[in-house]
Protein backbone atom coordinates (compact mmCIF):
# COMPACT_ATOMS: atom_id res chain seq x y z
CA UNK A 1 18.30 -29.66 -80.29
CA UNK A 2 14.97 -29.81 -78.36
CA UNK A 3 13.75 -27.14 -75.70
CA UNK A 4 10.80 -27.14 -73.54
CA UNK A 5 9.68 -23.90 -72.82
CA UNK A 6 7.52 -23.26 -69.62
CA UNK A 7 5.79 -19.93 -69.53
CA UNK A 8 2.23 -19.05 -69.04
CA UNK A 9 2.08 -16.08 -70.63
CA UNK A 10 0.48 -16.95 -74.21
CA UNK A 11 2.38 -13.80 -75.72
CA UNK A 12 5.72 -14.24 -73.70
CA UNK A 13 5.31 -17.90 -74.98
CA UNK A 14 5.03 -17.22 -78.66
CA UNK A 15 7.79 -15.22 -78.86
CA UNK A 16 10.06 -17.34 -77.39
CA UNK A 17 8.66 -20.33 -79.50
CA UNK A 18 8.90 -18.43 -82.75
CA UNK A 19 12.43 -16.94 -82.19
CA UNK A 20 13.83 -20.70 -80.88
CA UNK A 21 12.29 -22.49 -83.99
CA UNK A 22 13.69 -19.61 -86.13
CA UNK A 23 17.41 -20.69 -84.78
CA UNK A 24 16.78 -24.25 -85.78
CA UNK A 25 15.61 -25.83 -82.17
CA UNK A 26 12.66 -28.14 -82.14
CA UNK A 27 10.17 -26.49 -79.14
CA UNK A 28 7.92 -28.50 -76.64
CA UNK A 29 5.61 -25.65 -74.78
CA UNK A 30 3.89 -25.83 -71.63
CA UNK A 31 1.47 -23.35 -70.08
CA UNK A 32 2.62 -24.11 -66.18
CA UNK A 33 4.56 -25.72 -64.20
CA UNK A 34 2.26 -28.79 -63.73
CA UNK A 35 2.24 -29.09 -67.68
CA UNK A 36 5.51 -28.49 -67.99
CA UNK A 37 6.88 -31.35 -65.33
CA UNK A 38 4.32 -33.64 -67.22
CA UNK A 39 5.91 -32.96 -70.56
CA UNK A 40 10.05 -33.11 -69.33
CA UNK A 41 8.99 -36.64 -67.65
CA UNK A 42 7.47 -37.62 -71.00
CA UNK A 43 10.23 -36.69 -72.94
CA UNK A 44 13.28 -36.61 -70.55
CA UNK A 45 15.35 -38.33 -73.06
CA UNK A 46 14.62 -35.93 -76.12
CA UNK A 47 14.62 -32.38 -73.96
CA UNK A 48 17.87 -30.89 -74.38
CA UNK A 49 17.23 -27.46 -72.25
CA UNK A 50 14.25 -26.17 -69.92
CA UNK A 51 13.31 -22.38 -69.88
CA UNK A 52 11.09 -21.67 -67.60
CA UNK A 53 8.96 -18.87 -66.12
CA UNK A 54 9.72 -18.45 -61.80
CA UNK A 55 6.08 -17.16 -61.18
CA UNK A 56 3.24 -19.58 -62.63
CA UNK A 57 -0.08 -21.10 -61.47
CA UNK A 58 -0.73 -24.84 -60.80
CA UNK A 59 3.23 -25.61 -59.85
CA UNK A 60 6.23 -22.32 -59.96
CA UNK A 61 9.28 -22.77 -61.85
CA UNK A 62 11.24 -23.23 -58.52
CA UNK A 63 9.11 -26.26 -57.73
CA UNK A 64 9.03 -27.49 -61.41
CA UNK A 65 12.96 -27.60 -61.40
CA UNK A 66 13.58 -28.95 -58.08
CA UNK A 67 11.08 -32.06 -59.24
CA UNK A 68 12.76 -32.34 -62.47
CA UNK A 69 16.57 -32.63 -60.57
CA UNK A 70 14.85 -34.93 -58.25
CA UNK A 71 12.81 -37.46 -60.97
CA UNK A 72 15.77 -37.44 -63.29
CA UNK A 73 18.10 -38.37 -61.01
CA UNK A 74 19.72 -34.66 -60.76
CA UNK A 75 19.42 -34.25 -64.34
CA UNK A 76 21.97 -32.86 -66.20
CA UNK A 77 19.48 -31.13 -68.58
CA UNK A 78 20.19 -27.44 -68.34
CA UNK A 79 17.27 -25.21 -66.78
CA UNK A 80 17.49 -21.44 -67.39
CA UNK A 81 14.80 -19.59 -65.41
CA UNK A 82 13.31 -16.24 -66.55
CA UNK A 83 11.68 -13.49 -64.58
CA UNK A 84 10.03 -10.15 -64.17
CA UNK A 85 10.00 -10.33 -60.61
CA UNK A 86 12.61 -10.21 -57.64
CA UNK A 87 15.24 -12.86 -57.40
CA UNK A 88 16.30 -13.19 -54.11
CA UNK A 89 19.62 -14.48 -54.26
CA UNK A 90 19.48 -15.92 -50.75
CA UNK A 91 16.76 -18.41 -51.42
CA UNK A 92 18.47 -22.16 -51.78
CA UNK A 93 15.94 -22.80 -54.57
CA UNK A 94 17.77 -20.85 -57.14
CA UNK A 95 20.51 -23.79 -57.30
CA UNK A 96 18.11 -25.60 -59.09
CA UNK A 97 18.75 -23.55 -62.44
CA UNK A 98 21.91 -23.20 -64.51
CA UNK A 99 21.00 -19.36 -65.08
CA UNK A 100 18.54 -17.07 -63.88
CA UNK A 101 17.76 -13.92 -66.67
CA UNK A 102 15.43 -10.79 -65.79
CA UNK A 103 12.69 -10.12 -68.46
CA UNK A 104 12.79 -8.34 -70.60
CA UNK A 105 14.96 -11.28 -71.91
CA UNK A 106 17.54 -10.27 -74.82
CA UNK A 107 16.07 -12.65 -77.16
CA UNK A 108 19.95 -13.21 -78.60
CA UNK A 109 21.63 -13.80 -75.69
CA UNK A 110 18.96 -16.18 -74.75
CA UNK A 111 19.71 -17.91 -78.15
CA UNK A 112 23.19 -17.78 -77.12
CA UNK A 113 23.35 -18.94 -73.46
CA UNK A 114 20.97 -21.94 -74.25
CA UNK A 115 23.41 -23.40 -77.24
CA UNK A 116 26.21 -22.67 -74.87
CA UNK A 117 24.33 -24.69 -72.11
CA UNK A 118 22.89 -27.39 -74.08
CA UNK A 119 26.90 -27.77 -75.56
CA UNK A 120 28.20 -28.16 -72.36
CA UNK A 121 25.78 -30.28 -71.18
CA UNK A 122 26.60 -33.03 -73.65
CA UNK A 123 29.84 -32.93 -73.17
CA UNK A 124 29.25 -33.57 -69.54
CA UNK A 125 27.12 -36.47 -70.70
CA UNK A 126 29.65 -38.04 -72.74
CA UNK A 127 32.19 -37.62 -70.22
CA UNK A 128 30.16 -39.54 -67.72
CA UNK A 129 28.21 -42.01 -69.36
CA UNK A 130 30.38 -42.69 -72.39
CA UNK A 131 29.01 -44.92 -75.32
């Protein structure tokens, strides 16, 4: 399973990467939303999950997730947002995320949620696009 981690904080990016690799995931790293969007677009069919910070330079997590959904024709790839900031649940932008978690994130909970969302996404893709 391949995960795109989009996080501008190098320490958090490293911690997430280490834990996902230890759990058997393949990782693609991006330092900001623009970098994340570019890497998603160039690896679209290989990425099983996107984990993104919300507040980043160049392109924030909201805008990146919206562009991923639009560019991929409402992509079924799950997107998890993680943030240390306030989450405005009245903001319509949050609907582009499958889940939003508050930092600090419990790593085991994030790994469990990631696996669950990937399995659900693959089942849905198989139902919609049987081979």
